[in-house]
Amino acid sequence: MRTLYIGPGSLASQKQECRVIAVGDLLRASILGMFDAQADNAGEGRAALIVRLLEDADEVAHLARLPLPGHARLRSICESLIAEPANSDTLERWAERIGASSRTVARLFRQETGMSFGQWHKQLRLAEAMSKLSVGHPAAQVAHDLGYADVSTFTVMFRRDFL
């Protein structure tokens, strides 16, 4: 598995948000080329070409949208959940931690991300599930890692949202 991180300034035309994308053959080969031990010293040139592919490739399909808020306290919540997607703390609990009312946090979350806290957390779990399943992790392990009570609950949620 390879993970490619692209700075927000490199994709100026895109919103600043985490995304899970489907990678076609051309893009996959390009990314693997960046990690080729035999590759020449043109790593930065290759990276720039790959960023252009990401901007323009018709084969790139956005599977999960995960906008990150600009508000510092909301971002801290999101970063905590990204680090631990199985965390099932309520919005009220998170609001208490950051010193705000749950109504304020809910309102800001919708303003900054375009979705409710619950929808955002669900999208995070879906993105993480896609990532883990795509590299062969068993569904039961993914369900456990994401905080689902059992694989059946996870499977129902996953099929409803992706299939």
N, C-alpha and C. Protein backbone atom coordinates (compact mmCIF):
# COMPACT_ATOMS: atom_id res chain seq x y z
N MET A 1 0.84 -1.18 0.00
CA MET A 1 0.00 0.00 0.00
C MET A 1 0.88 1.23 0.00
N ARG A 2 0.49 2.22 -0.74
CA ARG A 2 1.20 3.50 -0.78
C ARG A 2 0.21 4.60 -0.43
N THR A 3 0.67 5.56 0.32
CA THR A 3 -0.15 6.71 0.67
C THR A 3 0.51 7.94 0.08
N LEU A 4 -0.26 8.76 -0.57
CA LEU A 4 0.25 9.94 -1.23
C LEU A 4 -0.38 11.16 -0.56
N TYR A 5 0.47 12.02 -0.01
CA TYR A 5 -0.01 13.25 0.62
C TYR A 5 0.36 14.42 -0.29
N ILE A 6 -0.61 15.25 -0.57
CA ILE A 6 -0.40 16.40 -1.44
C ILE A 6 -0.80 17.63 -0.65
N GLY A 7 0.10 18.59 -0.57
CA GLY A 7 -0.18 19.82 0.16
C GLY A 7 -1.34 20.57 -0.43
N PRO A 8 -2.13 21.24 0.43
CA PRO A 8 -3.32 21.93 -0.07
C PRO A 8 -3.04 22.97 -1.15
N GLY A 9 -1.88 23.59 -1.12
CA GLY A 9 -1.55 24.59 -2.12
C GLY A 9 -1.31 24.00 -3.50
N SER A 10 -1.01 22.72 -3.55
CA SER A 10 -0.74 22.07 -4.84
C SER A 10 -2.01 21.83 -5.64
N LEU A 11 -3.12 21.76 -4.98
CA LEU A 11 -4.41 21.55 -5.65
C LEU A 11 -5.27 22.79 -5.46
N ALA A 12 -4.77 23.89 -5.95
CA ALA A 12 -5.43 25.18 -5.71
C ALA A 12 -6.88 25.20 -6.13
N SER A 13 -7.21 24.45 -7.18
CA SER A 13 -8.59 24.49 -7.66
C SER A 13 -9.53 23.63 -6.83
N GLN A 14 -8.99 22.82 -5.94
CA GLN A 14 -9.79 21.91 -5.12
C GLN A 14 -10.04 22.51 -3.75
N LYS A 15 -11.12 22.10 -3.11
CA LYS A 15 -11.38 22.50 -1.73
C LYS A 15 -10.39 21.77 -0.84
N GLN A 16 -10.11 22.36 0.33
CA GLN A 16 -9.24 21.70 1.28
C GLN A 16 -10.05 20.68 2.05
N GLU A 17 -9.92 19.43 1.66
CA GLU A 17 -10.64 18.37 2.33
C GLU A 17 -9.95 17.05 2.05
N CYS A 18 -10.06 16.13 2.99
CA CYS A 18 -9.55 14.79 2.77
C CYS A 18 -10.49 14.08 1.82
N ARG A 19 -9.93 13.24 0.97
CA ARG A 19 -10.76 12.51 0.02
C ARG A 19 -10.22 11.10 -0.16
N VAL A 20 -11.10 10.20 -0.37
CA VAL A 20 -10.74 8.86 -0.81
C VAL A 20 -11.05 8.82 -2.28
N ILE A 21 -10.10 8.38 -3.08
CA ILE A 21 -10.33 8.36 -4.52
C ILE A 21 -10.05 6.97 -5.09
N ALA A 22 -10.74 6.66 -6.15
CA ALA A 22 -10.46 5.43 -6.89
C ALA A 22 -9.28 5.73 -7.80
N VAL A 23 -8.32 4.83 -7.83
CA VAL A 23 -7.12 5.05 -8.62
C VAL A 23 -7.11 4.06 -9.78
N GLY A 24 -7.13 4.60 -10.99
CA GLY A 24 -7.08 3.77 -12.19
C GLY A 24 -5.65 3.34 -12.51
N ASP A 25 -5.49 2.60 -13.57
CA ASP A 25 -4.20 2.02 -13.93
C ASP A 25 -3.12 3.08 -14.18
N LEU A 26 -3.45 4.13 -14.91
CA LEU A 26 -2.46 5.17 -15.23
C LEU A 26 -1.97 5.86 -13.96
N LEU A 27 -2.87 6.27 -13.11
CA LEU A 27 -2.50 6.96 -11.89
C LEU A 27 -1.75 6.02 -10.95
N ARG A 28 -2.19 4.77 -10.85
CA ARG A 28 -1.51 3.78 -9.99
C ARG A 28 -0.06 3.61 -10.44
N ALA A 29 0.16 3.44 -11.73
CA ALA A 29 1.52 3.27 -12.25
C ALA A 29 2.38 4.50 -11.98
N SER A 30 1.78 5.66 -12.09
CA SER A 30 2.52 6.91 -11.85
C SER A 30 2.94 7.02 -10.39
N ILE A 31 2.02 6.70 -9.50
CA ILE A 31 2.32 6.78 -8.07
C ILE A 31 3.40 5.76 -7.70
N LEU A 32 3.26 4.53 -8.19
CA LEU A 32 4.27 3.51 -7.91
C LEU A 32 5.63 3.92 -8.45
N GLY A 33 5.62 4.64 -9.58
CA GLY A 33 6.88 5.14 -10.15
C GLY A 33 7.60 6.08 -9.22
N MET A 34 6.87 6.80 -8.41
CA MET A 34 7.50 7.70 -7.45
C MET A 34 8.29 6.94 -6.39
N PHE A 35 7.87 5.71 -6.12
CA PHE A 35 8.50 4.92 -5.07
C PHE A 35 9.52 3.91 -5.61
N ASP A 36 9.73 3.94 -6.91
CA ASP A 36 10.64 3.01 -7.56
C ASP A 36 12.07 3.29 -7.11
N ALA A 37 12.71 2.28 -6.53
CA ALA A 37 14.08 2.44 -6.04
C ALA A 37 15.05 2.75 -7.17
N GLN A 38 14.72 2.31 -8.39
CA GLN A 38 15.59 2.54 -9.55
C GLN A 38 15.36 3.91 -10.17
N ALA A 39 14.37 4.65 -9.67
CA ALA A 39 14.01 5.93 -10.29
C ALA A 39 15.17 6.92 -10.21
N ASP A 40 15.21 7.80 -11.19
CA ASP A 40 16.25 8.82 -11.19
C ASP A 40 15.93 9.88 -10.13
N ASN A 41 16.66 10.93 -10.09
CA ASN A 41 16.49 11.97 -9.07
C ASN A 41 15.44 12.99 -9.46
N ALA A 42 14.51 12.61 -10.30
CA ALA A 42 13.48 13.55 -10.76
C ALA A 42 12.22 13.42 -9.93
N GLY A 43 12.36 13.06 -8.65
CA GLY A 43 11.20 12.84 -7.79
C GLY A 43 10.26 14.01 -7.74
N GLU A 44 10.81 15.23 -7.62
CA GLU A 44 9.93 16.40 -7.55
C GLU A 44 9.22 16.63 -8.88
N GLY A 45 9.92 16.40 -9.99
CA GLY A 45 9.28 16.55 -11.29
C GLY A 45 8.16 15.54 -11.48
N ARG A 46 8.40 14.32 -11.02
CA ARG A 46 7.36 13.29 -11.10
C ARG A 46 6.18 13.67 -10.22
N ALA A 47 6.47 14.15 -9.04
CA ALA A 47 5.39 14.54 -8.13
C ALA A 47 4.52 15.62 -8.76
N ALA A 48 5.14 16.59 -9.42
CA ALA A 48 4.37 17.66 -10.06
C ALA A 48 3.48 17.09 -11.17
N LEU A 49 3.99 16.13 -11.92
CA LEU A 49 3.18 15.51 -12.96
C LEU A 49 2.00 14.74 -12.38
N ILE A 50 2.24 14.07 -11.27
CA ILE A 50 1.17 13.30 -10.64
C ILE A 50 0.10 14.23 -10.09
N VAL A 51 0.50 15.35 -9.53
CA VAL A 51 -0.48 16.32 -9.05
C VAL A 51 -1.35 16.79 -10.21
N ARG A 52 -0.73 17.03 -11.38
CA ARG A 52 -1.51 17.42 -12.55
C ARG A 52 -2.47 16.31 -12.96
N LEU A 53 -2.03 15.06 -12.86
CA LEU A 53 -2.92 13.95 -13.15
C LEU A 53 -4.12 13.94 -12.19
N LEU A 54 -3.85 14.19 -10.93
CA LEU A 54 -4.93 14.23 -9.95
C LEU A 54 -5.92 15.35 -10.25
N GLU A 55 -5.41 16.47 -10.73
CA GLU A 55 -6.29 17.59 -11.05
C GLU A 55 -7.14 17.31 -12.28
N ASP A 56 -6.57 16.60 -13.26
CA ASP A 56 -7.20 16.49 -14.56
C ASP A 56 -7.73 15.11 -14.94
N ALA A 57 -7.27 14.07 -14.28
CA ALA A 57 -7.61 12.72 -14.74
C ALA A 57 -9.10 12.45 -14.66
N ASP A 58 -9.65 11.98 -15.76
CA ASP A 58 -11.07 11.62 -15.80
C ASP A 58 -11.34 10.38 -14.97
N GLU A 59 -10.31 9.54 -14.77
CA GLU A 59 -10.51 8.29 -14.06
C GLU A 59 -10.62 8.46 -12.55
N VAL A 60 -10.30 9.63 -12.02
CA VAL A 60 -10.35 9.82 -10.58
C VAL A 60 -11.79 10.10 -10.17
N ALA A 61 -12.34 9.22 -9.36
CA ALA A 61 -13.72 9.38 -8.88
C ALA A 61 -13.70 9.57 -7.37
N HIS A 62 -14.35 10.59 -6.90
CA HIS A 62 -14.38 10.84 -5.46
C HIS A 62 -15.39 9.90 -4.82
N LEU A 63 -14.91 9.11 -3.90
CA LEU A 63 -15.77 8.14 -3.24
C LEU A 63 -16.29 8.65 -1.91
N ALA A 64 -15.50 9.38 -1.21
CA ALA A 64 -15.92 9.91 0.09
C ALA A 64 -15.43 11.34 0.21
N ARG A 65 -16.28 12.21 0.66
CA ARG A 65 -15.96 13.62 0.82
C ARG A 65 -15.83 13.91 2.30
N LEU A 66 -14.71 14.48 2.70
CA LEU A 66 -14.49 14.75 4.11
C LEU A 66 -13.89 16.14 4.28
N PRO A 67 -14.73 17.18 4.25
CA PRO A 67 -14.22 18.54 4.40
C PRO A 67 -13.73 18.77 5.83
N LEU A 68 -12.64 19.50 5.94
CA LEU A 68 -12.10 19.83 7.25
C LEU A 68 -12.43 21.28 7.59
N PRO A 69 -12.92 21.52 8.79
CA PRO A 69 -13.28 22.89 9.17
C PRO A 69 -12.05 23.76 9.40
N GLY A 70 -12.21 25.05 9.18
CA GLY A 70 -11.14 26.00 9.45
C GLY A 70 -11.09 26.43 10.90
N HIS A 71 -12.22 26.38 11.58
CA HIS A 71 -12.32 26.78 12.99
C HIS A 71 -11.41 25.87 13.83
N ALA A 72 -10.52 26.48 14.62
CA ALA A 72 -9.49 25.72 15.34
C ALA A 72 -10.07 24.66 16.28
N ARG A 73 -11.11 25.01 17.02
CA ARG A 73 -11.66 24.03 17.98
C ARG A 73 -12.36 22.88 17.25
N LEU A 74 -13.05 23.18 16.17
CA LEU A 74 -13.67 22.11 15.39
C LEU A 74 -12.61 21.23 14.74
N ARG A 75 -11.57 21.86 14.25
CA ARG A 75 -10.49 21.09 13.62
C ARG A 75 -9.85 20.15 14.63
N SER A 76 -9.72 20.58 15.89
CA SER A 76 -9.14 19.70 16.90
C SER A 76 -10.02 18.46 17.12
N ILE A 77 -11.34 18.65 17.06
CA ILE A 77 -12.25 17.51 17.17
C ILE A 77 -12.02 16.57 16.00
N CYS A 78 -11.97 17.12 14.79
CA CYS A 78 -11.80 16.32 13.59
C CYS A 78 -10.47 15.57 13.61
N GLU A 79 -9.41 16.24 14.01
CA GLU A 79 -8.11 15.60 14.06
C GLU A 79 -8.09 14.46 15.07
N SER A 80 -8.77 14.63 16.19
CA SER A 80 -8.87 13.55 17.18
C SER A 80 -9.62 12.36 16.60
N LEU A 81 -10.70 12.63 15.87
CA LEU A 81 -11.48 11.55 15.28
C LEU A 81 -10.73 10.87 14.13
N ILE A 82 -9.98 11.62 13.37
CA ILE A 82 -9.18 11.03 12.30
C ILE A 82 -8.15 10.07 12.91
N ALA A 83 -7.56 10.47 14.04
CA ALA A 83 -6.59 9.61 14.71
C ALA A 83 -7.24 8.37 15.32
N GLU A 84 -8.52 8.50 15.69
CA GLU A 84 -9.24 7.39 16.32
C GLU A 84 -10.68 7.35 15.82
N PRO A 85 -10.91 6.86 14.59
CA PRO A 85 -12.25 6.88 14.01
C PRO A 85 -13.28 6.05 14.79
N ALA A 86 -12.85 5.13 15.62
CA ALA A 86 -13.78 4.30 16.40
C ALA A 86 -14.36 5.06 17.59
N ASN A 87 -13.83 6.22 17.88
CA ASN A 87 -14.32 7.01 19.01
C ASN A 87 -15.79 7.34 18.78
N SER A 88 -16.63 7.00 19.73
CA SER A 88 -18.07 7.23 19.57
C SER A 88 -18.61 8.28 20.53
N ASP A 89 -17.73 9.17 20.99
CA ASP A 89 -18.19 10.24 21.87
C ASP A 89 -19.23 11.10 21.16
N THR A 90 -20.20 11.55 21.92
CA THR A 90 -21.28 12.36 21.36
C THR A 90 -20.82 13.79 21.09
N LEU A 91 -21.61 14.50 20.32
CA LEU A 91 -21.34 15.91 20.07
C LEU A 91 -21.31 16.68 21.38
N GLU A 92 -22.19 16.34 22.29
CA GLU A 92 -22.24 17.00 23.60
C GLU A 92 -20.92 16.83 24.34
N ARG A 93 -20.37 15.64 24.28
CA ARG A 93 -19.09 15.36 24.98
C ARG A 93 -17.95 16.15 24.34
N TRP A 94 -17.93 16.19 23.01
CA TRP A 94 -16.89 16.96 22.33
C TRP A 94 -17.03 18.45 22.64
N ALA A 95 -18.26 18.94 22.64
CA ALA A 95 -18.49 20.36 22.93
C ALA A 95 -17.98 20.69 24.33
N GLU A 96 -18.24 19.81 25.27
CA GLU A 96 -17.77 20.02 26.65
C GLU A 96 -16.25 20.11 26.69
N ARG A 97 -15.58 19.25 25.94
CA ARG A 97 -14.11 19.23 25.91
C ARG A 97 -13.52 20.53 25.37
N ILE A 98 -14.18 21.12 24.38
CA ILE A 98 -13.62 22.34 23.77
C ILE A 98 -14.19 23.62 24.38
N GLY A 99 -15.07 23.47 25.37
CA GLY A 99 -15.60 24.63 26.06
C GLY A 99 -16.64 25.41 25.29
N ALA A 100 -17.53 24.71 24.64
CA ALA A 100 -18.60 25.36 23.88
C ALA A 100 -19.89 24.58 24.09
N SER A 101 -21.00 25.20 23.73
CA SER A 101 -22.27 24.48 23.84
C SER A 101 -22.41 23.54 22.65
N SER A 102 -23.18 22.50 22.84
CA SER A 102 -23.38 21.55 21.75
C SER A 102 -24.12 22.20 20.58
N ARG A 103 -25.01 23.14 20.88
CA ARG A 103 -25.73 23.84 19.81
C ARG A 103 -24.78 24.67 18.97
N THR A 104 -23.84 25.35 19.63
CA THR A 104 -22.85 26.15 18.91
C THR A 104 -21.97 25.27 18.04
N VAL A 105 -21.51 24.16 18.59
CA VAL A 105 -20.65 23.24 17.84
C VAL A 105 -21.42 22.67 16.65
N ALA A 106 -22.67 22.29 16.87
CA ALA A 106 -23.49 21.73 15.78
C ALA A 106 -23.67 22.76 14.66
N ARG A 107 -23.97 23.99 15.04
CA ARG A 107 -24.17 25.06 14.05
C ARG A 107 -22.88 25.33 13.28
N LEU A 108 -21.75 25.45 14.00
CA LEU A 108 -20.47 25.70 13.34
C LEU A 108 -20.06 24.54 12.44
N PHE A 109 -20.32 23.32 12.89
CA PHE A 109 -19.97 22.15 12.10
C PHE A 109 -20.69 22.18 10.76
N ARG A 110 -21.97 22.49 10.80
CA ARG A 110 -22.75 22.55 9.55
C ARG A 110 -22.25 23.70 8.67
N GLN A 111 -21.96 24.85 9.25
CA GLN A 111 -21.47 25.99 8.48
C GLN A 111 -20.12 25.69 7.82
N GLU A 112 -19.23 25.07 8.56
CA GLU A 112 -17.87 24.87 8.08
C GLU A 112 -17.70 23.66 7.17
N THR A 113 -18.52 22.64 7.35
CA THR A 113 -18.33 21.41 6.56
C THR A 113 -19.48 21.11 5.62
N GLY A 114 -20.63 21.75 5.84
CA GLY A 114 -21.80 21.48 5.02
C GLY A 114 -22.53 20.22 5.44
N MET A 115 -22.17 19.67 6.58
CA MET A 115 -22.85 18.47 7.08
C MET A 115 -22.86 18.50 8.60
N SER A 116 -23.72 17.67 9.16
CA SER A 116 -23.80 17.59 10.62
C SER A 116 -22.57 16.85 11.15
N PHE A 117 -22.36 16.95 12.45
CA PHE A 117 -21.27 16.23 13.09
C PHE A 117 -21.41 14.73 12.83
N GLY A 118 -22.61 14.19 12.99
CA GLY A 118 -22.86 12.76 12.78
C GLY A 118 -22.57 12.34 11.34
N GLN A 119 -22.99 13.16 10.38
CA GLN A 119 -22.72 12.85 8.98
C GLN A 119 -21.22 12.87 8.70
N TRP A 120 -20.53 13.85 9.27
CA TRP A 120 -19.08 13.96 9.06
C TRP A 120 -18.38 12.73 9.63
N HIS A 121 -18.75 12.34 10.84
CA HIS A 121 -18.11 11.19 11.47
C HIS A 121 -18.39 9.91 10.66
N LYS A 122 -19.58 9.80 10.14
CA LYS A 122 -19.93 8.64 9.31
C LYS A 122 -19.07 8.63 8.04
N GLN A 123 -18.89 9.79 7.41
CA GLN A 123 -18.05 9.88 6.22
C GLN A 123 -16.60 9.49 6.53
N LEU A 124 -16.13 9.91 7.70
CA LEU A 124 -14.79 9.53 8.13
C LEU A 124 -14.68 8.02 8.23
N ARG A 125 -15.65 7.41 8.86
CA ARG A 125 -15.63 5.94 9.01
C ARG A 125 -15.72 5.24 7.66
N LEU A 126 -16.53 5.77 6.75
CA LEU A 126 -16.62 5.19 5.41
C LEU A 126 -15.29 5.29 4.67
N ALA A 127 -14.64 6.44 4.77
CA ALA A 127 -13.35 6.63 4.10
C ALA A 127 -12.31 5.66 4.68
N GLU A 128 -12.31 5.53 5.98
CA GLU A 128 -11.37 4.61 6.63
C GLU A 128 -11.67 3.16 6.24
N ALA A 129 -12.95 2.82 6.19
CA ALA A 129 -13.35 1.47 5.78
C ALA A 129 -12.88 1.17 4.37
N MET A 130 -13.10 2.11 3.44
CA MET A 130 -12.68 1.92 2.06
C MET A 130 -11.17 1.71 1.98
N SER A 131 -10.43 2.49 2.73
CA SER A 131 -8.99 2.38 2.74
C SER A 131 -8.54 1.00 3.22
N LYS A 132 -9.11 0.55 4.33
CA LYS A 132 -8.72 -0.74 4.90
C LYS A 132 -9.19 -1.91 4.04
N LEU A 133 -10.41 -1.85 3.55
CA LEU A 133 -10.92 -2.94 2.73
C LEU A 133 -10.16 -3.05 1.40
N SER A 134 -9.76 -1.91 0.85
CA SER A 134 -9.07 -1.92 -0.44
C SER A 134 -7.70 -2.58 -0.39
N VAL A 135 -7.12 -2.68 0.81
CA VAL A 135 -5.81 -3.35 0.93
C VAL A 135 -5.95 -4.73 1.55
N GLY A 136 -7.19 -5.23 1.62
CA GLY A 136 -7.41 -6.62 2.00
C GLY A 136 -7.68 -6.91 3.46
N HIS A 137 -7.93 -5.90 4.26
CA HIS A 137 -8.27 -6.17 5.66
C HIS A 137 -9.63 -6.86 5.70
N PRO A 138 -9.80 -7.87 6.54
CA PRO A 138 -11.10 -8.55 6.64
C PRO A 138 -12.17 -7.61 7.19
N ALA A 139 -13.39 -7.76 6.69
CA ALA A 139 -14.50 -6.90 7.10
C ALA A 139 -14.71 -6.93 8.61
N ALA A 140 -14.55 -8.08 9.24
CA ALA A 140 -14.74 -8.18 10.69
C ALA A 140 -13.73 -7.31 11.44
N GLN A 141 -12.48 -7.31 10.97
CA GLN A 141 -11.45 -6.49 11.61
C GLN A 141 -11.72 -5.01 11.38
N VAL A 142 -12.15 -4.64 10.17
CA VAL A 142 -12.46 -3.25 9.86
C VAL A 142 -13.62 -2.78 10.75
N ALA A 143 -14.65 -3.61 10.87
CA ALA A 143 -15.80 -3.27 11.71
C ALA A 143 -15.35 -3.01 13.14
N HIS A 144 -14.51 -3.88 13.65
CA HIS A 144 -14.00 -3.72 15.02
C HIS A 144 -13.17 -2.45 15.16
N ASP A 145 -12.26 -2.22 14.21
CA ASP A 145 -11.38 -1.05 14.25
C ASP A 145 -12.16 0.26 14.19
N LEU A 146 -13.32 0.24 13.55
CA LEU A 146 -14.11 1.46 13.40
C LEU A 146 -15.19 1.61 14.46
N GLY A 147 -15.21 0.69 15.42
CA GLY A 147 -16.11 0.83 16.55
C GLY A 147 -17.50 0.28 16.36
N TYR A 148 -17.71 -0.56 15.36
CA TYR A 148 -19.02 -1.17 15.16
C TYR A 148 -19.16 -2.37 16.09
N ALA A 149 -20.37 -2.57 16.60
CA ALA A 149 -20.63 -3.65 17.54
C ALA A 149 -20.36 -5.02 16.92
N ASP A 150 -20.69 -5.16 15.66
CA ASP A 150 -20.46 -6.43 14.96
C ASP A 150 -20.35 -6.18 13.46
N VAL A 151 -19.91 -7.20 12.76
CA VAL A 151 -19.69 -7.07 11.33
C VAL A 151 -21.00 -6.87 10.57
N SER A 152 -22.10 -7.40 11.08
CA SER A 152 -23.40 -7.25 10.40
C SER A 152 -23.82 -5.78 10.36
N THR A 153 -23.68 -5.09 11.47
CA THR A 153 -24.03 -3.67 11.53
C THR A 153 -23.16 -2.87 10.56
N PHE A 154 -21.88 -3.17 10.56
CA PHE A 154 -20.94 -2.50 9.65
C PHE A 154 -21.32 -2.77 8.20
N THR A 155 -21.60 -4.02 7.87
CA THR A 155 -21.93 -4.40 6.50
C THR A 155 -23.19 -3.70 6.00
N VAL A 156 -24.20 -3.62 6.85
CA VAL A 156 -25.44 -2.93 6.47
C VAL A 156 -25.15 -1.47 6.17
N MET A 157 -24.40 -0.79 7.06
CA MET A 157 -24.06 0.62 6.84
C MET A 157 -23.25 0.78 5.56
N PHE A 158 -22.27 -0.05 5.37
CA PHE A 158 -21.38 0.07 4.21
C PHE A 158 -22.15 -0.14 2.91
N ARG A 159 -22.95 -1.17 2.85
CA ARG A 159 -23.73 -1.44 1.63
C ARG A 159 -24.73 -0.33 1.35
N ARG A 160 -25.38 0.18 2.37
CA ARG A 160 -26.37 1.24 2.19
C ARG A 160 -25.72 2.48 1.60
N ASP A 161 -24.50 2.80 2.00
CA ASP A 161 -23.87 4.04 1.56
C ASP A 161 -22.99 3.91 0.32
N PHE A 162 -22.53 2.69 0.01
CA PHE A 162 -21.62 2.55 -1.12
C PHE A 162 -22.15 1.70 -2.26
N LEU A 163 -23.07 0.82 -2.01
CA LEU A 163 -23.51 -0.08 -3.07
C LEU A 163 -24.89 0.26 -3.56
